Protein backbone atom coordinates (compact mmCIF):
# COMPACT_ATOMS: atom_id res chain seq x y z
CA MET A 1 69.27 36.39 119.67
CA THR A 2 70.56 37.96 116.49
CA SER A 3 69.87 41.48 115.44
CA GLN A 4 69.34 42.36 111.83
CA ALA A 5 69.93 45.67 110.16
CA THR A 6 67.42 46.83 107.62
CA VAL A 7 68.72 48.18 104.33
CA THR A 8 66.39 49.81 101.85
CA ASN A 9 67.60 51.30 98.61
CA VAL A 10 65.83 54.63 98.48
CA GLY A 11 68.28 56.40 96.20
CA ALA A 12 68.64 60.12 96.04
CA GLU A 13 67.14 61.80 93.02
CA ALA A 14 69.54 63.75 90.84
CA ASP A 15 67.77 67.07 91.38
CA ASP A 16 67.37 66.61 95.15
CA VAL A 17 69.71 69.24 96.62
CA VAL A 18 70.45 70.07 100.27
CA PHE A 19 72.63 73.11 101.02
CA GLY A 20 74.04 72.90 97.50
CA LEU A 21 74.94 69.21 97.90
CA SER A 22 73.14 66.29 96.34
CA ALA A 23 71.09 64.33 98.87
CA ASN A 24 73.38 61.30 99.02
CA ILE A 25 76.47 63.47 99.60
CA ALA A 26 74.64 65.52 102.25
CA ALA A 27 73.51 62.30 103.98
CA ALA A 28 77.10 61.01 104.01
CA VAL A 29 78.44 64.35 105.30
CA ALA A 30 75.82 64.22 108.07
CA TYR A 31 77.89 61.49 109.73
CA LEU A 32 80.40 64.16 110.68
CA LEU A 33 78.83 65.20 113.98
CA PRO A 34 78.64 68.98 113.58
CA PHE A 35 77.02 68.62 110.16
CA GLY A 36 74.66 65.95 111.47
CA ILE A 37 73.36 68.33 114.10
CA ILE A 38 73.09 71.19 111.59
CA PHE A 39 71.24 69.05 109.03
CA LEU A 40 68.93 67.65 111.71
CA LEU A 41 67.98 71.12 112.89
CA THR A 42 67.66 72.82 109.50
CA GLU A 43 66.61 70.20 106.94
CA ASP A 44 62.84 69.81 106.61
CA ASP A 45 62.37 68.79 102.98
CA ASN A 46 64.56 65.72 102.52
CA GLU A 47 63.65 62.77 104.76
CA PHE A 48 66.69 60.75 103.63
CA VAL A 49 69.16 63.40 104.80
CA ARG A 50 67.16 64.12 107.94
CA TYR A 51 67.05 60.45 108.96
CA ASN A 52 70.77 59.95 108.36
CA ALA A 53 71.54 63.09 110.36
CA ALA A 54 69.37 61.83 113.25
CA GLN A 55 71.01 58.41 113.14
CA SER A 56 74.43 60.05 113.12
CA VAL A 57 73.63 62.10 116.20
CA ALA A 58 72.04 59.15 118.05
CA TYR A 59 74.93 56.80 117.18
CA THR A 60 77.74 59.21 117.99
CA LEU A 61 76.32 60.70 121.16
CA GLY A 62 75.01 57.36 122.42
CA LEU A 63 78.32 55.55 122.02
CA TYR A 64 80.40 58.42 123.33
CA LEU A 65 78.22 58.70 126.43
CA PHE A 66 78.65 54.95 126.91
CA ARG A 67 82.42 55.39 126.50
CA PHE A 68 82.40 58.22 129.04
CA ALA A 69 80.57 55.98 131.53
CA LEU A 70 83.10 53.18 130.98
CA ASN A 71 85.98 55.60 131.52
CA PHE A 72 84.35 56.87 134.70
CA VAL A 73 83.86 53.35 136.11
CA PHE A 74 87.33 52.13 135.16
CA GLY A 75 88.88 55.39 136.36
CA MET A 76 87.86 54.55 139.93
CA MET A 77 89.71 51.24 139.84
CA PRO A 78 93.38 50.67 140.69
CA GLY A 79 96.03 51.80 138.18
CA PHE A 80 96.84 48.37 136.77
CA VAL A 81 93.25 47.95 135.61
CA SER A 82 93.63 50.96 133.33
CA LEU A 83 96.53 49.20 131.64
CA LEU A 84 94.26 46.24 130.96
CA VAL A 85 91.36 48.38 129.76
CA ALA A 86 93.33 50.75 127.50
CA PRO A 87 93.59 48.32 124.54
CA PHE A 88 89.86 47.59 124.79
CA MET A 89 89.05 51.29 124.69
CA MET A 90 91.26 51.79 121.63
CA VAL A 91 89.43 48.99 119.82
CA PHE A 92 86.08 50.43 120.96
CA ASN A 93 87.01 53.87 119.53
CA LEU A 94 88.10 52.25 116.27
CA ALA A 95 84.79 50.36 116.10
CA ILE A 96 82.84 53.61 116.58
CA PHE A 97 84.80 55.20 113.74
CA ALA A 98 84.35 52.15 111.48
CA GLY A 99 80.60 52.22 112.11
CA LEU A 100 80.43 55.88 111.13
CA VAL A 101 82.42 55.25 107.95
CA PHE A 102 80.19 52.28 107.03
CA MET A 103 76.96 54.23 107.58
CA ALA A 104 78.33 57.21 105.63
CA TYR A 105 79.20 54.85 102.76
CA LYS A 106 75.68 53.38 102.79
CA ALA A 107 74.18 56.88 102.78
CA PHE A 108 76.44 57.92 99.92
CA SER A 109 75.31 54.82 98.00
CA GLY A 110 71.68 55.86 98.49
CA ASP A 111 70.84 52.97 100.84
CA LEU A 112 68.75 53.67 103.91
CA PHE A 113 70.67 51.70 106.54
CA GLU A 114 68.99 51.31 109.91
CA ALA A 115 71.46 50.39 112.64
CA PRO A 116 69.97 47.79 115.01
CA VAL A 117 69.86 49.82 118.24
CA PHE A 118 70.19 53.35 116.96
CA ALA A 119 67.45 53.31 114.29
CA ASP A 120 64.68 53.54 116.90
CA MET A 121 66.55 56.34 118.66
CA ALA A 122 67.00 58.13 115.34
CA HIS A 123 63.29 57.86 114.47
CA SER A 124 62.27 59.29 117.84
CA LEU A 125 64.92 62.03 117.61
CA GLU A 126 63.82 62.89 114.10
CA GLU A 127 60.17 63.16 115.18
CA SER A 128 60.90 65.22 118.29
CA ILE A 129 62.91 67.90 116.48
C-alpha cells in the first residue's frame, strides 16, 4: 500500500499579510513550533497559514510523542540495547527535521502540501480550534 501526498498550488497573494509577513513566509515560519502554535491560535483570516500551522503542530507533536514512547520502551531494556537503538534515534530525529524543512519549503513556495498521515490530524485540529 503506497501513500500519496497531495500538493496543490494555492499561492499566496501579494497583499495577503499575516503579522506583517506575507502569507507564504508566515506559513513557512509556522513550521517553527512556537510560531505554529501562535499562528494556529491567533490567525483567523488566512486559511493557508492556519492549515500550515495546524499541520506543523500535528506533525511535530505527533512525532515527538512517538519518539518519547520509543525512548520509554527502549529505556526499560538492558543497556546494550540502547547502544543499538541510539543510531536509529539519531536518524529518526534527522528525518523529523528534514520533514519540517521540506514542508516549510513547500509552504514558502505557495504549495499546499498535505502530509499523508498528518493532513487529517491537521484538518481536525484546525476545525477544533
